[in-house]
């Protein structure tokens, strides 16, 4: 058990600071974390070229003065002067270029190296052939150029992903040691070394060149379970819980009152199909399954309103998302589902199975509910199969061993329709667990990427989504909201679409 759940310590360590719950991060290096908790701390310590408005998710220039391109392939970046790292070192063009080359290098072994893959020369750096991407060129301290291997209209949005943060020169001497107490350029700085499975303490960066944080510091208490964190919140031993457990949503609304918060996120869940399987090779069958699922009933009864029924493959929080793209295909209609199912010829054997990871407790309940709905609407025998952990399911999906329908999910790493379409459904995408392939769909994605203006790109992505919905390799199920809670000591608590607490906005009363 972590120290965060023991004793009766006050919620914050000193006046003007507050405490917030997280689980143990996988890493505190910007290009190496793999979950929201690493992202939470990294985004407090580092500021990339751009960030996103908490309400609209539109781009906001931060360290960048300008980011311009005439052809979506050659990009010119100008930095704002005056930005510094926590140790006083100036943030320059080389701070970004060196950080990106380090992240892409094979020997660095950074989990998020792939996000640099469209920069010219990435493959040679990733293979170890060289240590510098040819597409990065430093002009002077405040100006550098980026050349991509393809025209990509969405590249500017990608630059807001924390992996594109700058690093100070000291980071490269001993990256493992640096990771224990990173030096960034963000609104908060490390007050002490990372106390694994216990605590990460940050102090406000009063020399921050952006909008300064309102609180003097934050103590990230590391929990094993957010159920324990919720108990601490009620006991006055925690100030902010950014994600109230689903099973405690109903009681939290009553116990916390106006200190209970709801916000949309970019996370969504799907029912996927191996489309080359005899059972699922018909798009008509897949669309029938979509109409057989009562999303409203499941999101209300099982998820207690923490999910919103999906209306397409791109959540409404994403700028440029098409409204109600799925239409009747994502609305429960048992009669229409059965008619479409029969017209498509049904499923061989009259049965199929849905696989899911059981390490998320709510999965069993909703998968079994969906199985019952599909069985009743389509006259099938739908079974369920529990995998012990998400990692096991993902491993089997990645190696092509899963021949059942399956539960999966996705969270964007930059707010663009492309980030929901390309990573999951293009033929060479690592997350394309369905085996889906459609040349026309991919052409529309390429057209959107090559567009020179936002309107054209958005239109092409909307066309691509329509084509995808007609094939339905995955059934869009619901968009996930975030339910947070906070103590009476703090105010102005908000959680963004990336499911990160905006700690710079929190006010200690």
Protein backbone atom coordinates (compact mmCIF):
# COMPACT_ATOMS: atom_id res chain seq x y z
CA UNK A 1 0.00 0.00 0.00
CA UNK A 2 1.30 3.47 -0.81
CA UNK A 3 1.88 6.11 1.82
CA UNK A 4 -0.84 8.10 0.11
CA UNK A 5 -3.49 5.87 1.63
CA UNK A 6 -2.05 5.66 5.16
CA UNK A 7 -2.60 7.71 8.27
CA UNK A 8 -4.36 11.08 8.59
CA UNK A 9 -1.89 13.43 6.94
CA UNK A 10 -3.31 16.75 5.71
CA UNK A 11 -4.35 16.96 2.08
CA UNK A 12 -1.51 19.28 1.13
CA UNK A 13 2.00 19.65 2.44
CA UNK A 14 1.98 23.41 2.83
CA UNK A 15 -0.25 26.42 2.45
CA UNK A 16 -0.90 27.17 -1.19
CA UNK A 17 -0.22 23.61 -2.37
CA UNK A 18 -2.72 20.84 -3.03
CA UNK A 19 -2.69 17.08 -3.50
CA UNK A 20 -3.94 15.06 -6.46
CA UNK A 21 -4.26 11.31 -7.01
CA UNK A 22 -2.50 9.37 -9.75
CA UNK A 23 -1.37 5.80 -10.30
CA UNK A 24 2.33 5.03 -10.70
CA UNK A 25 3.56 6.56 -13.99
CA UNK A 26 5.45 4.37 -16.45
CA UNK A 27 7.97 7.16 -17.10
CA UNK A 28 8.56 10.89 -16.64
CA UNK A 29 10.47 11.30 -19.91
CA UNK A 30 8.24 13.10 -22.46
CA UNK A 31 8.69 10.47 -25.19
CA UNK A 32 8.60 7.41 -22.96
CA UNK A 33 5.40 7.33 -20.88
CA UNK A 34 2.55 5.03 -21.95
CA UNK A 35 -0.52 6.11 -19.93
CA UNK A 36 -2.43 9.12 -18.66
CA UNK A 37 -0.57 9.32 -15.35
CA UNK A 38 2.81 9.80 -17.00
CA UNK A 39 1.17 12.32 -19.31
CA UNK A 40 -0.27 14.12 -16.29
CA UNK A 41 3.12 14.74 -14.69
CA UNK A 42 5.02 15.30 -17.95
CA UNK A 43 2.54 17.99 -19.06
CA UNK A 44 3.11 19.80 -15.78
CA UNK A 45 6.89 19.70 -16.14
CA UNK A 46 7.20 20.41 -19.87
CA UNK A 47 5.57 22.76 -22.38
CA UNK A 48 5.80 21.88 -26.11
CA UNK A 49 5.49 24.25 -29.07
CA UNK A 50 1.70 24.24 -28.89
CA UNK A 51 -0.98 23.19 -26.42
CA UNK A 52 -4.76 22.91 -26.70
CA UNK A 53 -7.59 25.00 -25.31
CA UNK A 54 -9.27 23.06 -22.48
CA UNK A 55 -12.78 23.77 -23.80
CA UNK A 56 -12.41 23.72 -27.59
CA UNK A 57 -9.25 21.61 -28.11
CA UNK A 58 -8.14 24.17 -30.68
CA UNK A 59 -4.41 24.79 -31.04
CA UNK A 60 -2.81 27.45 -28.87
CA UNK A 61 0.75 28.63 -29.51
CA UNK A 62 2.92 28.37 -26.42
CA UNK A 63 6.69 28.16 -26.89
CA UNK A 64 6.16 28.74 -30.62
CA UNK A 65 5.73 32.23 -31.96
CA UNK A 66 4.67 30.79 -35.32
CA UNK A 67 4.50 27.47 -37.18
CA UNK A 68 4.01 27.90 -40.91
CA UNK A 69 3.97 25.82 -44.09
CA UNK A 70 3.00 26.51 -47.69
CA UNK A 71 2.78 22.87 -48.72
CA UNK A 72 2.15 20.89 -45.49
CA UNK A 73 5.56 19.23 -45.97
CA UNK A 74 8.10 21.96 -45.22
CA UNK A 75 7.48 23.67 -41.87
CA UNK A 76 9.15 26.75 -40.39
CA UNK A 77 9.11 27.22 -36.62
CA UNK A 78 9.90 30.46 -34.80
CA UNK A 79 10.17 30.37 -31.01
CA UNK A 80 9.16 33.05 -28.56
CA UNK A 81 12.19 34.52 -26.77
CA UNK A 82 12.56 34.28 -23.01
CA UNK A 83 11.64 30.67 -22.38
CA UNK A 84 13.94 28.87 -19.91
CA UNK A 85 14.28 25.45 -18.34
CA UNK A 86 13.94 25.08 -14.59
CA UNK A 87 17.74 25.19 -14.24
CA UNK A 88 17.96 28.53 -16.06
CA UNK A 89 19.18 27.17 -19.42
CA UNK A 90 17.57 28.95 -22.37
CA UNK A 91 15.05 27.03 -24.50
CA UNK A 92 16.33 27.24 -28.07
CA UNK A 93 15.74 25.58 -31.41
CA UNK A 94 18.38 23.00 -30.52
CA UNK A 95 16.46 22.15 -27.33
CA UNK A 96 13.69 20.78 -29.55
CA UNK A 97 15.78 19.29 -32.36
CA UNK A 98 18.15 17.44 -30.02
CA UNK A 99 15.21 16.15 -27.94
CA UNK A 100 13.43 14.79 -31.00
CA UNK A 101 16.57 13.12 -32.35
CA UNK A 102 17.16 11.55 -28.94
CA UNK A 103 13.57 10.31 -28.77
CA UNK A 104 13.73 8.75 -32.24
CA UNK A 105 17.08 7.01 -31.73
CA UNK A 106 17.07 3.25 -31.37
CA UNK A 107 19.51 3.30 -28.45
CA UNK A 108 17.24 5.66 -26.47
CA UNK A 109 14.45 3.03 -26.46
CA UNK A 110 11.67 5.58 -26.07
CA UNK A 111 8.16 4.09 -26.26
CA UNK A 112 6.74 7.02 -28.23
CA UNK A 113 9.52 7.19 -30.82
CA UNK A 114 7.04 6.33 -33.57
CA UNK A 115 5.34 9.75 -33.38
CA UNK A 116 8.41 11.23 -35.11
CA UNK A 117 8.01 8.79 -37.99
CA UNK A 118 6.91 11.35 -40.59
CA UNK A 119 10.01 13.51 -40.19
CA UNK A 120 12.46 12.91 -43.05
CA UNK A 121 15.33 10.67 -41.95
CA UNK A 122 13.43 9.02 -39.10
CA UNK A 123 14.01 5.50 -40.42
CA UNK A 124 17.80 5.96 -40.47
CA UNK A 125 17.85 7.30 -36.91
CA UNK A 126 15.52 4.59 -35.70
CA UNK A 127 17.70 1.88 -37.24
CA UNK A 128 20.85 3.28 -35.66
CA UNK A 129 22.39 4.19 -39.01
CA UNK A 130 22.73 7.82 -37.91
CA UNK A 131 21.79 9.96 -34.90
CA UNK A 132 20.21 12.96 -36.63
CA UNK A 133 17.08 13.18 -38.74
CA UNK A 134 17.79 14.95 -42.03
CA UNK A 135 14.42 16.66 -41.82
CA UNK A 136 15.46 18.81 -38.85
CA UNK A 137 17.54 21.91 -39.49
CA UNK A 138 18.51 24.53 -36.90
CA UNK A 139 18.68 28.05 -38.39
CA UNK A 140 19.45 29.96 -35.21
CA UNK A 141 18.42 29.97 -31.55
CA UNK A 142 14.82 30.91 -32.31
CA UNK A 143 14.26 29.38 -35.75
CA UNK A 144 14.34 25.85 -37.11
CA UNK A 145 12.91 23.94 -40.04
CA UNK A 146 11.14 20.60 -40.30
CA UNK A 147 10.87 18.59 -43.49
CA UNK A 148 8.39 15.73 -43.56
CA UNK A 149 8.52 12.66 -45.76
CA UNK A 150 4.97 13.41 -46.90
CA UNK A 151 2.61 16.36 -46.99
CA UNK A 152 0.63 16.29 -43.74
CA UNK A 153 -1.93 18.95 -42.89
CA UNK A 154 -2.31 17.69 -39.29
CA UNK A 155 1.35 17.93 -38.30
CA UNK A 156 0.88 21.18 -36.40
CA UNK A 157 -1.64 19.47 -34.10
CA UNK A 158 0.79 16.61 -33.49
CA UNK A 159 3.34 19.09 -32.12
CA UNK A 160 1.14 19.47 -29.04
CA UNK A 161 1.79 15.87 -28.05
CA UNK A 162 4.07 15.97 -24.96
CA UNK A 163 6.66 13.75 -26.70
CA UNK A 164 7.57 16.84 -28.77
CA UNK A 165 8.67 18.77 -25.65
CA UNK A 166 12.18 20.24 -25.48
CA UNK A 167 14.92 18.83 -23.27
CA UNK A 168 17.83 20.65 -21.56
CA UNK A 169 21.39 19.63 -22.43
CA UNK A 170 21.83 17.87 -19.06
CA UNK A 171 19.19 15.27 -20.03
CA UNK A 172 21.52 13.34 -22.32
CA UNK A 173 24.40 12.73 -19.91
CA UNK A 174 22.39 10.16 -17.93
CA UNK A 175 18.76 9.84 -19.15
CA UNK A 176 17.84 7.30 -16.47
CA UNK A 177 18.98 9.61 -13.69
CA UNK A 178 17.31 12.57 -15.41
CA UNK A 179 14.02 10.65 -15.48
CA UNK A 180 13.99 10.48 -11.66
CA UNK A 181 14.03 14.27 -11.37
CA UNK A 182 13.35 15.79 -14.81
CA UNK A 183 14.19 19.40 -15.59
CA UNK A 184 11.61 20.87 -17.91
CA UNK A 185 10.29 24.22 -19.08
CA UNK A 186 6.74 23.79 -17.78
CA UNK A 187 4.57 25.57 -15.20
CA UNK A 188 5.83 23.28 -12.41
CA UNK A 189 9.25 21.90 -11.47
CA UNK A 190 10.28 18.84 -9.47
CA UNK A 191 10.67 19.72 -5.80
CA UNK A 192 12.28 16.37 -5.02
CA UNK A 193 13.14 13.10 -6.74
CA UNK A 194 10.35 10.74 -7.80
CA UNK A 195 9.38 8.53 -4.83
CA UNK A 196 8.17 5.49 -6.73
CA UNK A 197 4.72 4.14 -5.78
CA UNK A 198 4.45 6.92 -3.20
CA UNK A 199 4.79 10.57 -4.18
CA UNK A 200 5.84 13.10 -6.81
CA UNK A 201 6.14 16.61 -5.43
CA UNK A 202 6.13 19.65 -7.70
CA UNK A 203 6.60 23.34 -7.00
CA UNK A 204 5.43 26.26 -9.08
CA UNK A 205 7.89 27.58 -11.64
CA UNK A 206 7.80 31.31 -10.90
CA UNK A 207 10.04 32.00 -13.91
CA UNK A 208 7.61 30.33 -16.30
CA UNK A 209 7.29 32.26 -19.56
CA UNK A 210 3.67 31.20 -20.11
CA UNK A 211 0.64 31.76 -17.89
CA UNK A 212 1.81 30.99 -14.36
CA UNK A 213 0.10 28.38 -12.20
CA UNK A 214 -2.22 29.61 -9.46
CA UNK A 215 -1.13 27.16 -6.76
CA UNK A 216 2.32 27.11 -5.17
CA UNK A 217 2.73 23.39 -5.63
CA UNK A 218 1.12 20.00 -6.10
CA UNK A 219 1.73 16.69 -4.37
CA UNK A 220 0.88 13.81 -6.69
CA UNK A 221 -0.06 10.99 -4.32
CA UNK A 222 0.48 7.64 -5.99
CA UNK A 223 -2.23 5.06 -5.29
CA UNK A 224 -2.70 1.41 -6.11
CA UNK A 225 -6.44 1.93 -6.43
CA UNK A 226 -8.66 4.96 -6.99
CA UNK A 227 -11.19 3.37 -4.62
CA UNK A 228 -8.67 4.04 -1.86
CA UNK A 229 -8.12 7.53 -3.25
CA UNK A 230 -11.86 8.22 -3.14
CA UNK A 231 -11.95 7.22 0.53
CA UNK A 232 -9.06 9.61 1.18
CA UNK A 233 -10.95 12.40 -0.57
CA UNK A 234 -13.95 11.87 1.70
CA UNK A 235 -11.67 11.75 4.77
CA UNK A 236 -10.00 15.05 3.87
CA UNK A 237 -6.64 13.45 3.05
CA UNK A 238 -6.75 14.25 -0.68
CA UNK A 239 -7.71 17.38 -2.59
CA UNK A 240 -8.33 16.20 -6.16
CA UNK A 241 -9.36 12.83 -7.60
CA UNK A 242 -9.28 13.24 -11.40
CA UNK A 243 -11.22 10.02 -12.09
CA UNK A 244 -13.88 8.79 -9.66
CA UNK A 245 -14.31 4.99 -10.00
CA UNK A 246 -17.36 4.07 -12.06
CA UNK A 247 -18.85 1.96 -9.26
CA UNK A 248 -18.86 4.99 -6.95
CA UNK A 249 -20.30 7.58 -9.33
CA UNK A 250 -23.81 7.51 -7.86
CA UNK A 251 -22.66 7.98 -4.26
CA UNK A 252 -20.08 10.58 -5.30
CA UNK A 253 -22.73 12.82 -6.83
CA UNK A 254 -24.58 12.85 -3.52
CA UNK A 255 -21.55 13.04 -1.24
CA UNK A 256 -19.63 15.71 -3.16
CA UNK A 257 -22.41 17.87 -4.55
CA UNK A 258 -20.94 20.77 -6.50
CA UNK A 259 -17.46 19.34 -5.91
CA UNK A 260 -18.27 16.54 -8.39
CA UNK A 261 -17.26 17.39 -11.94
CA UNK A 262 -18.10 15.89 -15.34
CA UNK A 263 -16.13 16.52 -18.54
CA UNK A 264 -15.89 14.86 -21.97
CA UNK A 265 -12.74 13.13 -23.15
CA UNK A 266 -11.21 11.86 -26.37
CA UNK A 267 -11.45 8.23 -25.33
CA UNK A 268 -13.91 5.88 -27.04
CA UNK A 269 -14.69 2.18 -26.98
CA UNK A 270 -15.47 -0.29 -29.77
CA UNK A 271 -16.57 -3.80 -30.59
CA UNK A 272 -14.13 -5.04 -33.20
CA UNK A 273 -14.24 -7.88 -35.73
CA UNK A 274 -11.55 -9.90 -37.53
CA UNK A 275 -13.02 -9.05 -40.93
CA UNK A 276 -11.39 -11.97 -42.76
CA UNK A 277 -13.13 -14.48 -40.49
CA UNK A 278 -16.00 -16.47 -42.05
CA UNK A 279 -18.27 -15.26 -39.27
CA UNK A 280 -17.56 -11.58 -39.72
CA UNK A 281 -16.54 -11.09 -43.34
CA UNK A 282 -19.92 -9.54 -44.26
CA UNK A 283 -20.25 -5.77 -43.69
CA UNK A 284 -24.01 -6.37 -43.52
CA UNK A 285 -23.57 -8.65 -40.52
CA UNK A 286 -21.28 -6.17 -38.81
CA UNK A 287 -23.76 -3.32 -39.34
CA UNK A 288 -26.58 -5.53 -38.04
CA UNK A 289 -24.61 -6.17 -34.84
CA UNK A 290 -24.18 -2.40 -34.44
CA UNK A 291 -27.94 -1.80 -34.65
CA UNK A 292 -28.61 -4.69 -32.25
CA UNK A 293 -26.70 -3.01 -29.40
CA UNK A 294 -28.71 -0.70 -27.14
CA UNK A 295 -26.05 1.89 -26.31
CA UNK A 296 -28.45 4.08 -24.32
CA UNK A 297 -29.41 1.24 -21.99
CA UNK A 298 -25.82 0.16 -21.36
CA UNK A 299 -24.41 3.66 -20.79
CA UNK A 300 -27.17 4.46 -18.30
CA UNK A 301 -27.47 1.19 -16.40
CA UNK A 302 -23.87 -0.02 -16.38
CA UNK A 303 -21.76 3.10 -16.83
CA UNK A 304 -24.04 5.38 -14.78
CA UNK A 305 -23.88 8.13 -17.36
CA UNK A 306 -20.08 8.22 -17.57
CA UNK A 307 -20.29 7.23 -21.26
CA UNK A 308 -22.19 8.82 -24.16
CA UNK A 309 -23.52 6.67 -27.03
CA UNK A 310 -21.26 7.03 -30.08
CA UNK A 311 -22.55 8.72 -33.22
CA UNK A 312 -19.47 8.03 -35.32
CA UNK A 313 -15.79 7.19 -35.20
CA UNK A 314 -14.70 10.72 -34.17
CA UNK A 315 -15.84 12.09 -30.76
CA UNK A 316 -17.48 15.55 -30.59
CA UNK A 317 -14.55 16.92 -28.56
CA UNK A 318 -12.39 16.78 -31.71
CA UNK A 319 -12.38 19.95 -33.86
CA UNK A 320 -13.81 19.02 -37.25
CA UNK A 321 -15.77 15.98 -36.02
CA UNK A 322 -18.78 15.24 -38.24
CA UNK A 323 -22.15 15.37 -36.48
CA UNK A 324 -24.10 12.09 -36.29
CA UNK A 325 -21.94 10.51 -38.99
CA UNK A 326 -23.18 7.02 -38.12
CA UNK A 327 -26.90 7.86 -38.21
CA UNK A 328 -29.25 4.87 -37.90
CA UNK A 329 -26.34 2.40 -38.01
CA UNK A 330 -25.43 3.38 -34.44
CA UNK A 331 -28.98 3.50 -33.08
CA UNK A 332 -30.70 0.50 -31.51
CA UNK A 333 -33.36 -0.95 -33.81
CA UNK A 334 -33.92 -4.66 -33.31
CA UNK A 335 -36.21 -5.04 -36.32
CA UNK A 336 -33.84 -3.24 -38.72
CA UNK A 337 -30.90 -5.18 -37.28
CA UNK A 338 -32.60 -8.54 -37.87
CA UNK A 339 -33.61 -7.58 -41.41
CA UNK A 340 -30.05 -6.52 -42.26
CA UNK A 341 -28.66 -9.64 -40.63
CA UNK A 342 -30.93 -11.96 -42.60
CA UNK A 343 -30.23 -10.12 -45.85
CA UNK A 344 -26.49 -10.55 -45.26
CA UNK A 345 -26.89 -14.29 -44.83
CA UNK A 346 -26.34 -14.49 -41.08
CA UNK A 347 -23.40 -16.03 -39.21
CA UNK A 348 -22.19 -19.61 -39.85
CA UNK A 349 -23.19 -21.84 -36.97
CA UNK A 350 -25.57 -19.25 -35.53
CA UNK A 351 -23.13 -18.15 -32.84
CA UNK A 352 -20.04 -16.10 -32.10
CA UNK A 353 -17.92 -14.98 -29.16
CA UNK A 354 -16.83 -11.58 -27.82
CA UNK A 355 -13.40 -11.41 -26.19
CA UNK A 356 -12.60 -8.79 -23.54
CA UNK A 357 -9.98 -7.98 -20.89
CA UNK A 358 -11.28 -8.66 -17.39
CA UNK A 359 -8.74 -6.50 -15.54
CA UNK A 360 -11.16 -3.56 -16.02
CA UNK A 361 -14.10 -4.66 -13.82
CA UNK A 362 -16.85 -2.94 -15.85
CA UNK A 363 -15.93 -4.81 -19.06
CA UNK A 364 -17.54 -8.09 -17.97
CA UNK A 365 -20.86 -6.43 -17.23
CA UNK A 366 -21.21 -4.44 -20.45
CA UNK A 367 -19.87 -7.20 -22.73
CA UNK A 368 -22.34 -9.68 -21.29
CA UNK A 369 -25.17 -7.14 -21.63
CA UNK A 370 -24.25 -6.49 -25.27
CA UNK A 371 -24.05 -10.24 -25.92
CA UNK A 372 -27.58 -10.69 -24.57
CA UNK A 373 -28.88 -7.81 -26.70
CA UNK A 374 -27.26 -9.13 -29.88
CA UNK A 375 -28.48 -12.66 -29.17
CA UNK A 376 -32.07 -11.49 -28.65
CA UNK A 377 -32.20 -9.12 -31.63
CA UNK A 378 -30.50 -11.39 -34.18
CA UNK A 379 -31.53 -14.83 -32.92
CA UNK A 380 -27.94 -15.83 -32.18
CA UNK A 381 -26.04 -17.51 -29.38
CA UNK A 382 -23.41 -14.91 -28.44
CA UNK A 383 -20.86 -16.02 -25.84
CA UNK A 384 -18.13 -14.07 -24.02
CA UNK A 385 -14.47 -14.87 -23.37
CA UNK A 386 -12.45 -13.17 -20.62
CA UNK A 387 -8.75 -12.45 -21.08
CA UNK A 388 -6.94 -11.95 -17.73
CA UNK A 389 -5.25 -8.68 -18.72
CA UNK A 390 -5.43 -6.05 -21.44
CA UNK A 391 -1.80 -6.81 -22.33
CA UNK A 392 -2.72 -10.45 -23.04
CA UNK A 393 -5.64 -9.47 -25.28
CA UNK A 394 -3.58 -6.88 -27.12
CA UNK A 395 -0.76 -9.36 -27.58
CA UNK A 396 -3.10 -11.92 -29.12
CA UNK A 397 -4.76 -9.27 -31.29
CA UNK A 398 -1.39 -8.02 -32.50
CA UNK A 399 -0.27 -11.51 -33.46
CA UNK A 400 -3.54 -12.36 -35.24
CA UNK A 401 -4.54 -15.08 -32.76
CA UNK A 402 -8.02 -13.66 -32.01
CA UNK A 403 -10.79 -15.09 -34.20
CA UNK A 404 -13.65 -13.76 -32.06
CA UNK A 405 -15.23 -10.33 -31.90
CA UNK A 406 -13.35 -8.24 -29.35
CA UNK A 407 -13.55 -5.21 -27.10
CA UNK A 408 -11.02 -2.46 -27.74
CA UNK A 409 -10.60 1.27 -27.11
CA UNK A 410 -8.68 4.30 -28.35
CA UNK A 411 -7.66 7.68 -26.95
CA UNK A 412 -6.32 10.38 -29.26
CA UNK A 413 -2.89 11.84 -28.84
CA UNK A 414 -3.69 14.89 -30.92
CA UNK A 415 -7.17 16.31 -31.63
CA UNK A 416 -7.83 15.56 -35.29
CA UNK A 417 -10.26 13.21 -37.06
CA UNK A 418 -7.22 11.60 -38.68
CA UNK A 419 -6.01 10.36 -35.31
CA UNK A 420 -9.12 8.17 -35.00
CA UNK A 421 -9.07 6.87 -38.57
CA UNK A 422 -5.45 6.28 -39.61
CA UNK A 423 -3.99 4.49 -36.52
CA UNK A 424 -6.81 1.93 -36.32
CA UNK A 425 -7.94 1.27 -39.86
CA UNK A 426 -5.11 1.71 -42.38
CA UNK A 427 -3.47 -1.45 -43.68
CA UNK A 428 -0.03 -0.94 -42.13
CA UNK A 429 -1.22 0.46 -38.79
CA UNK A 430 -0.03 -1.44 -35.72
CA UNK A 431 -3.43 -1.00 -34.03
CA UNK A 432 -5.41 -2.34 -37.03
CA UNK A 433 -6.54 -5.46 -35.18
CA UNK A 434 -9.46 -6.09 -37.54
CA UNK A 435 -7.31 -6.68 -40.62
CA UNK A 436 -9.40 -4.08 -42.44
CA UNK A 437 -8.24 -2.82 -45.85
CA UNK A 438 -9.96 -0.30 -48.14
CA UNK A 439 -7.95 1.54 -50.79
CA UNK A 440 -10.57 4.26 -51.31
CA UNK A 441 -10.70 4.95 -47.56
CA UNK A 442 -6.92 5.30 -47.46
CA UNK A 443 -6.90 7.57 -50.51
CA UNK A 444 -9.34 9.92 -48.77
CA UNK A 445 -7.06 9.96 -45.71
CA UNK A 446 -4.08 10.82 -47.90
CA UNK A 447 -6.08 13.59 -49.57
CA UNK A 448 -6.95 15.01 -46.15
CA UNK A 449 -3.33 14.84 -45.06
CA UNK A 450 -2.13 16.60 -48.20
CA UNK A 451 -4.71 19.40 -47.99
CA UNK A 452 -3.39 22.95 -47.65
CA UNK A 453 -6.31 24.26 -45.58
CA UNK A 454 -8.35 23.02 -42.64
CA UNK A 455 -11.70 23.04 -44.44
CA UNK A 456 -10.51 20.75 -47.25
CA UNK A 457 -8.82 18.39 -44.81
CA UNK A 458 -11.95 18.18 -42.62
CA UNK A 459 -14.14 17.43 -45.63
CA UNK A 460 -11.87 14.61 -46.80
CA UNK A 461 -11.74 13.06 -43.34
CA UNK A 462 -15.55 13.18 -43.16
CA UNK A 463 -15.73 11.32 -46.49
CA UNK A 464 -13.27 8.74 -45.19
CA UNK A 465 -15.36 8.24 -42.06
CA UNK A 466 -18.49 7.64 -44.17
CA UNK A 467 -16.67 4.97 -46.17
CA UNK A 468 -15.48 3.36 -42.94
CA UNK A 469 -18.99 3.32 -41.46
CA UNK A 470 -20.32 1.48 -44.49
CA UNK A 471 -17.73 -1.25 -43.90
CA UNK A 472 -18.00 -1.18 -40.06
CA UNK A 473 -14.82 -3.14 -39.19
CA UNK A 474 -15.34 -1.84 -35.64
CA UNK A 475 -18.68 -0.88 -34.10
CA UNK A 476 -18.40 2.56 -32.42
CA UNK A 477 -19.93 2.10 -28.96
CA UNK A 478 -19.54 5.12 -26.70
CA UNK A 479 -17.42 8.12 -25.80
CA UNK A 480 -15.98 8.12 -22.29
CA UNK A 481 -16.47 11.02 -19.95
CA UNK A 482 -14.30 11.84 -16.94
CA UNK A 483 -15.87 12.21 -13.49
CA UNK A 484 -13.71 14.06 -10.97
CA UNK A 485 -14.06 15.09 -7.36
CA UNK A 486 -12.30 17.62 -5.16
CA UNK A 487 -12.13 18.83 -1.59
CA UNK A 488 -13.40 22.12 -0.16
CA UNK A 489 -9.83 23.44 -0.07
CA UNK A 490 -9.58 23.86 -3.83
CA UNK A 491 -11.52 25.38 -6.71
CA UNK A 492 -11.33 25.86 -10.49
CA UNK A 493 -10.78 22.12 -10.96
CA UNK A 494 -11.01 20.98 -14.59
CA UNK A 495 -10.02 17.85 -16.51
CA UNK A 496 -9.21 18.14 -20.21
CA UNK A 497 -10.10 15.88 -23.14
CA UNK A 498 -6.80 13.99 -22.65
CA UNK A 499 -8.12 13.09 -19.14
CA UNK A 500 -5.45 15.24 -17.53
CA UNK A 501 -6.15 17.48 -14.55
CA UNK A 502 -5.26 21.05 -15.53
CA UNK A 503 -3.19 21.57 -12.39
CA UNK A 504 -2.03 25.06 -13.41
CA UNK A 505 -5.64 26.29 -13.08
CA UNK A 506 -6.38 24.86 -9.63
CA UNK A 507 -6.88 27.48 -6.90
CA UNK A 508 -6.08 26.74 -3.26
CA UNK A 509 -8.64 28.58 -1.15
